[in-house]
């Protein structure tokens, strides 16, 4: 009965730009798009945080030219690598 009022017999419908059913359908599409964007953004942020964490913990390897010694970004020395 309410849906019937929304779609057919609502006198206020003449003043509205969109029918209620169409508005709800478009709203649902916009919400779905926003949720998808939020998921993608969260995944990118998690990947970036993991990458930064790994760099901090494991360091970025820098190889010495004069010896067989490697140094990591956090200053640790690794011989014979």
Protein backbone atom coordinates (compact mmCIF):
# COMPACT_ATOMS: atom_id res chain seq x y z
CA UNK A 1 0.00 0.00 0.00
CA UNK A 2 2.82 2.42 0.83
CA UNK A 3 4.67 1.55 -2.38
CA UNK A 4 1.44 2.12 -4.29
CA UNK A 5 1.21 5.58 -2.72
CA UNK A 6 4.85 6.27 -3.55
CA UNK A 7 4.51 5.33 -7.19
CA UNK A 8 1.01 6.30 -8.23
CA UNK A 9 -1.34 8.13 -5.94
CA UNK A 10 0.87 10.63 -4.12
CA UNK A 11 -0.33 14.20 -4.71
CA UNK A 12 3.06 15.56 -3.64
CA UNK A 13 4.66 13.51 -6.44
CA UNK A 14 3.78 16.22 -8.94
CA UNK A 15 6.03 18.66 -7.08
CA UNK A 16 8.99 16.28 -6.92
CA UNK A 17 11.58 16.07 -9.67
CA UNK A 18 12.05 12.27 -9.44
CA UNK A 19 9.67 9.48 -8.55
CA UNK A 20 10.50 7.98 -5.16
CA UNK A 21 11.29 4.53 -6.55
CA UNK A 22 13.74 6.00 -9.06
CA UNK A 23 15.32 8.19 -6.36
CA UNK A 24 15.82 5.15 -4.12
CA UNK A 25 17.36 3.21 -6.99
CA UNK A 26 19.81 6.06 -7.75
CA UNK A 27 20.60 6.45 -4.05
CA UNK A 28 21.39 2.75 -3.83
CA UNK A 29 23.73 3.06 -6.83
CA UNK A 30 25.53 6.05 -5.29
CA UNK A 31 25.92 4.25 -1.94
CA UNK A 32 27.31 1.16 -3.67
CA UNK A 33 29.80 3.31 -5.60
CA UNK A 34 30.89 5.08 -2.42
CA UNK A 35 31.38 1.77 -0.60
CA UNK A 36 33.46 0.38 -3.48
CA UNK A 37 35.66 3.50 -3.47
CA UNK A 38 36.08 3.25 0.30
CA UNK A 39 37.13 -0.42 -0.01
CA UNK A 40 39.70 0.41 -2.68
CA UNK A 41 41.06 3.30 -0.63
CA UNK A 42 41.32 1.10 2.46
CA UNK A 43 43.18 -1.59 0.51
CA UNK A 44 45.65 0.98 -0.87
CA UNK A 45 46.18 2.49 2.59
CA UNK A 46 46.77 -0.96 4.15
CA UNK A 47 49.29 -1.84 1.45
CA UNK A 48 51.13 1.44 1.95
CA UNK A 49 51.19 1.01 5.74
CA UNK A 50 52.51 -2.55 5.37
CA UNK A 51 55.19 -1.38 2.97
CA UNK A 52 56.27 1.41 5.33
CA UNK A 53 56.27 -0.99 8.30
CA UNK A 54 58.36 -3.54 6.39
CA UNK A 55 60.86 -0.82 5.43
CA UNK A 56 61.11 0.31 9.04
CA UNK A 57 61.52 -3.20 10.45
CA UNK A 58 63.61 -4.86 7.74
CA UNK A 59 65.24 -1.78 6.29
CA UNK A 60 66.16 -1.01 2.73
CA UNK A 61 69.27 -2.86 1.67
CA UNK A 62 72.25 -0.78 0.46
CA UNK A 63 75.24 -2.71 -0.86
CA UNK A 64 78.76 -1.47 -0.19
CA UNK A 65 80.96 -1.20 -3.30
CA UNK A 66 84.25 -1.93 -1.54
CA UNK A 67 83.38 -5.08 0.34
CA UNK A 68 80.90 -7.87 0.53
CA UNK A 69 79.02 -6.05 3.29
CA UNK A 70 75.45 -4.81 3.12
CA UNK A 71 73.95 -2.09 5.26
CA UNK A 72 70.26 -1.70 5.90
CA UNK A 73 68.45 1.63 6.18
CA UNK A 74 68.20 1.19 9.94
CA UNK A 75 72.01 0.92 10.19
CA UNK A 76 72.38 -2.83 10.69
CA UNK A 77 75.37 -4.45 9.07
CA UNK A 78 75.05 -7.75 7.24
CA UNK A 79 78.30 -9.48 6.26
CA UNK A 80 78.72 -11.92 3.41
CA UNK A 81 75.46 -11.36 1.64
